[in-house]
Amino acid sequence: MSEWSDEFFEKWRNAWNTRTEDVMDLVTDDIEYWDPTLMDPITNIQDYAVRLDRFFEAMSDARWAHTFPPIYEEIDEHTGRASETWTLTGINTGDLWTGHAATGRSILTQGVDVYEFRDGKVCRQYSYFDVLESLRQLGVEPKGSVRRETVTATFGLGSREEHALETAAAALGGVAASGKKIIARLPGGLIRA
């Protein structure tokens, strides 16, 4: 990685281990964000801030850690791409995006984020993780819910990990493909059957 990307991802990790305001300093006003719980991407900083606020309210003591060092590719002096594998731990102390009340249970989940950068800030972030396994850890099974349909529509009935990474690779290029190699080395894989 470059010196810039090393410094950026140190700030990024610290921001995600702090709260919304610190993360907001590192994204563009037109940030595009997507994860498997969303039908459509978020496409502005205000909605992104609301999303982060809700996450931090739902998950107290949220701690993010890199599983492997991020992979960064500079496209030109103003733009770049990266992929990062991560682990999240936390305790559910607030309402979930599913509408379920806090369960008080702990979570340990792994995922991969794929980023695009513009002028030193994140302008696109796609986050891939196993939503159903995360909900199971929290004691929530979304039987027949829109969330289950979202996951199925997003990842299909085959290998969710393969489809997610192929989608990321197509959207963001070779950096996501490198992330796929890292995920293959994770103990137990990213997605559990």
Protein backbone atom coordinates (compact mmCIF):
# COMPACT_ATOMS: atom_id res chain seq x y z
CA MET A 1 0.00 0.00 0.00
CA SER A 2 1.00 3.61 -0.38
CA GLU A 3 1.83 5.91 2.50
CA TRP A 4 -1.43 7.78 1.82
CA SER A 5 -3.56 4.63 1.97
CA ASP A 6 -1.81 3.42 5.14
CA GLU A 7 -2.64 6.74 6.81
CA PHE A 8 -6.17 6.81 5.42
CA PHE A 9 -7.10 3.32 6.61
CA GLU A 10 -5.68 4.05 10.06
CA LYS A 11 -7.97 7.10 10.23
CA TRP A 12 -10.87 5.07 8.77
CA ARG A 13 -10.53 2.28 11.34
CA ASN A 14 -10.26 4.79 14.19
CA ALA A 15 -13.30 6.70 12.91
CA TRP A 16 -15.44 3.54 12.71
CA ASN A 17 -14.37 2.71 16.26
CA THR A 18 -15.47 6.17 17.40
CA ARG A 19 -18.80 7.31 15.94
CA THR A 20 -20.56 8.90 12.96
CA GLU A 21 -18.96 12.36 13.00
CA ASP A 22 -15.43 11.03 12.51
CA VAL A 23 -16.50 8.80 9.60
CA MET A 24 -18.29 11.70 7.91
CA ASP A 25 -15.03 13.65 7.63
CA LEU A 26 -13.66 10.88 5.39
CA VAL A 27 -16.46 10.61 2.78
CA THR A 28 -17.63 12.81 -0.09
CA ASP A 29 -20.97 14.66 -0.05
CA ASP A 30 -22.22 12.34 -2.80
CA ILE A 31 -21.12 9.11 -1.07
CA GLU A 32 -22.69 5.98 -2.56
CA TYR A 33 -23.13 3.22 0.02
CA TRP A 34 -24.67 -0.23 -0.31
CA ASP A 35 -24.89 -3.35 1.83
CA PRO A 36 -27.10 -6.46 1.66
CA THR A 37 -29.75 -4.91 3.94
CA LEU A 38 -30.49 -2.20 1.36
CA MET A 39 -32.60 -2.61 -1.76
CA ASP A 40 -30.94 0.43 -3.35
CA PRO A 41 -27.71 2.27 -2.55
CA ILE A 42 -27.63 5.36 -0.38
CA THR A 43 -26.43 8.23 -2.58
CA ASN A 44 -25.85 11.23 -0.31
CA ILE A 45 -24.05 12.18 2.87
CA GLN A 46 -27.22 12.97 4.84
CA ASP A 47 -28.72 9.48 4.38
CA TYR A 48 -25.31 7.94 5.03
CA ALA A 49 -25.10 9.83 8.35
CA VAL A 50 -28.57 8.58 9.34
CA ARG A 51 -27.51 5.03 8.46
CA LEU A 52 -24.38 5.30 10.61
CA ASP A 53 -26.27 6.89 13.52
CA ARG A 54 -28.74 3.99 13.50
CA PHE A 55 -25.93 1.46 13.35
CA PHE A 56 -24.08 2.98 16.29
CA GLU A 57 -27.33 3.23 18.29
CA ALA A 58 -28.06 -0.45 17.61
CA MET A 59 -24.54 -1.75 18.31
CA SER A 60 -22.83 -0.42 21.41
CA ASP A 61 -19.15 -1.10 21.83
CA ALA A 62 -18.86 -1.77 18.10
CA ARG A 63 -15.24 -2.59 17.28
CA TRP A 64 -13.90 -2.94 13.77
CA ALA A 65 -10.60 -4.57 12.92
CA HIS A 66 -8.86 -5.30 9.64
CA THR A 67 -8.63 -9.03 9.02
CA PHE A 68 -5.87 -8.49 6.47
CA PRO A 69 -4.24 -5.24 5.33
CA PRO A 70 -6.38 -3.33 2.81
CA ILE A 71 -5.44 -3.61 -0.85
CA TYR A 72 -5.17 -0.20 -2.53
CA GLU A 73 -4.84 0.68 -6.21
CA GLU A 74 -4.20 4.24 -7.33
CA ILE A 75 -5.93 5.00 -10.61
CA ASP A 76 -4.63 8.55 -11.00
CA GLU A 77 -3.65 11.38 -8.69
CA HIS A 78 -7.31 12.02 -7.76
CA THR A 79 -8.89 8.55 -7.69
CA GLY A 80 -8.24 5.08 -6.32
CA ARG A 81 -9.86 1.80 -5.31
CA ALA A 82 -9.43 -0.49 -2.35
CA SER A 83 -10.78 -3.62 -0.74
CA GLU A 84 -10.64 -4.37 2.95
CA THR A 85 -11.61 -7.44 4.96
CA TRP A 86 -12.88 -6.76 8.45
CA THR A 87 -14.25 -8.23 11.63
CA LEU A 88 -16.99 -6.53 13.65
CA THR A 89 -17.77 -7.24 17.28
CA GLY A 90 -20.42 -5.51 19.37
CA ILE A 91 -23.45 -5.80 21.59
CA ASN A 92 -26.96 -5.08 20.32
CA THR A 93 -28.35 -2.45 22.68
CA GLY A 94 -30.66 -0.55 20.32
CA ASP A 95 -33.36 -1.27 17.76
CA LEU A 96 -32.25 -3.15 14.63
CA TRP A 97 -32.94 -2.07 11.04
CA THR A 98 -35.42 -4.98 10.90
CA GLY A 99 -37.60 -3.22 13.45
CA HIS A 100 -36.74 -5.73 16.19
CA ALA A 101 -36.02 -4.39 19.65
CA ALA A 102 -32.55 -4.72 21.14
CA THR A 103 -31.64 -8.29 22.04
CA GLY A 104 -28.67 -7.60 24.31
CA ARG A 105 -26.73 -10.28 22.44
CA SER A 106 -23.19 -10.09 21.08
CA ILE A 107 -22.15 -10.31 17.47
CA LEU A 108 -18.95 -11.39 15.74
CA THR A 109 -19.10 -11.12 11.97
CA GLN A 110 -16.68 -10.83 9.07
CA GLY A 111 -17.05 -9.02 5.79
CA VAL A 112 -15.33 -7.23 2.97
CA ASP A 113 -15.76 -3.62 1.85
CA VAL A 114 -14.89 -2.35 -1.59
CA TYR A 115 -14.18 1.37 -1.94
CA GLU A 116 -13.63 4.03 -4.56
CA PHE A 117 -11.83 7.23 -3.58
CA ARG A 118 -11.98 10.72 -4.99
CA ASP A 119 -9.64 13.46 -3.79
CA GLY A 120 -8.66 11.52 -0.68
CA LYS A 121 -12.19 10.62 0.47
CA VAL A 122 -14.46 7.61 0.05
CA CYS A 123 -17.00 8.30 -2.71
CA ARG A 124 -18.30 4.70 -3.02
CA GLN A 125 -18.46 1.94 -0.39
CA TYR A 126 -19.99 -1.49 -0.96
CA SER A 127 -20.07 -3.70 2.11
CA TYR A 128 -20.54 -7.48 1.85
CA PHE A 129 -21.34 -9.66 4.86
CA ASP A 130 -23.65 -12.49 5.85
CA VAL A 131 -26.77 -10.69 7.07
CA LEU A 132 -28.65 -13.84 8.02
CA GLU A 133 -25.80 -15.18 10.15
CA SER A 134 -25.48 -11.81 11.85
CA LEU A 135 -29.20 -11.80 12.65
CA ARG A 136 -29.03 -15.37 13.93
CA GLN A 137 -26.26 -14.36 16.32
CA LEU A 138 -28.56 -11.62 17.58
CA GLY A 139 -31.40 -14.10 18.07
CA VAL A 140 -33.45 -12.77 15.15
CA GLU A 141 -34.60 -15.00 12.30
CA PRO A 142 -36.25 -12.91 9.56
CA LYS A 143 -38.70 -15.61 8.41
CA GLY A 144 -40.29 -14.52 5.17
CA SER A 145 -39.29 -10.92 5.73
CA VAL A 146 -38.27 -8.36 3.17
CA ARG A 147 -34.73 -8.72 4.52
CA ARG A 148 -34.58 -12.42 3.55
CA GLU A 149 -35.91 -11.52 0.10
CA THR A 150 -33.28 -8.77 -0.14
CA VAL A 151 -30.50 -11.21 0.66
CA THR A 152 -31.83 -13.79 -1.80
CA ALA A 153 -32.27 -11.16 -4.50
CA THR A 154 -28.78 -9.84 -3.84
CA PHE A 155 -26.90 -13.10 -3.58
CA GLY A 156 -29.18 -15.63 -5.28
CA LEU A 157 -29.61 -19.20 -4.16
CA GLY A 158 -26.03 -20.23 -4.98
CA SER A 159 -22.86 -19.17 -3.22
CA ARG A 160 -23.54 -15.73 -1.79
CA GLU A 161 -19.82 -15.10 -1.29
CA GLU A 162 -19.00 -15.89 -4.92
CA HIS A 163 -21.80 -13.74 -6.29
CA ALA A 164 -21.02 -10.82 -3.97
CA LEU A 165 -17.37 -10.79 -4.91
CA GLU A 166 -18.06 -11.21 -8.61
CA THR A 167 -20.43 -8.25 -8.42
CA ALA A 168 -17.83 -6.19 -6.60
CA ALA A 169 -15.11 -7.20 -9.06
CA ALA A 170 -17.28 -6.21 -12.01
CA ALA A 171 -18.21 -2.89 -10.43
CA LEU A 172 -14.83 -1.87 -9.08
CA GLY A 173 -12.19 -3.82 -10.94
CA GLY A 174 -9.20 -5.86 -9.86
CA VAL A 175 -9.06 -4.68 -6.26
CA ALA A 176 -12.21 -6.68 -5.44
CA ALA A 177 -10.73 -9.75 -7.10
CA SER A 178 -7.72 -9.42 -4.82
CA GLY A 179 -10.13 -9.21 -1.88
CA LYS A 180 -11.64 -12.51 -3.04
CA LYS A 181 -8.25 -14.17 -2.63
CA ILE A 182 -7.97 -12.81 0.90
CA ILE A 183 -11.46 -14.00 1.84
CA ALA A 184 -10.62 -17.49 0.61
CA ARG A 185 -7.88 -17.56 3.28
CA LEU A 186 -10.21 -16.55 6.14
CA PRO A 187 -10.82 -19.27 8.70
CA GLY A 188 -14.27 -20.68 8.09
CA GLY A 189 -14.82 -18.43 5.09
CA LEU A 190 -16.83 -15.24 4.97
CA ILE A 191 -20.22 -16.83 4.51
CA ARG A 192 -21.47 -19.75 6.54
CA ALA A 193 -23.99 -22.13 5.02
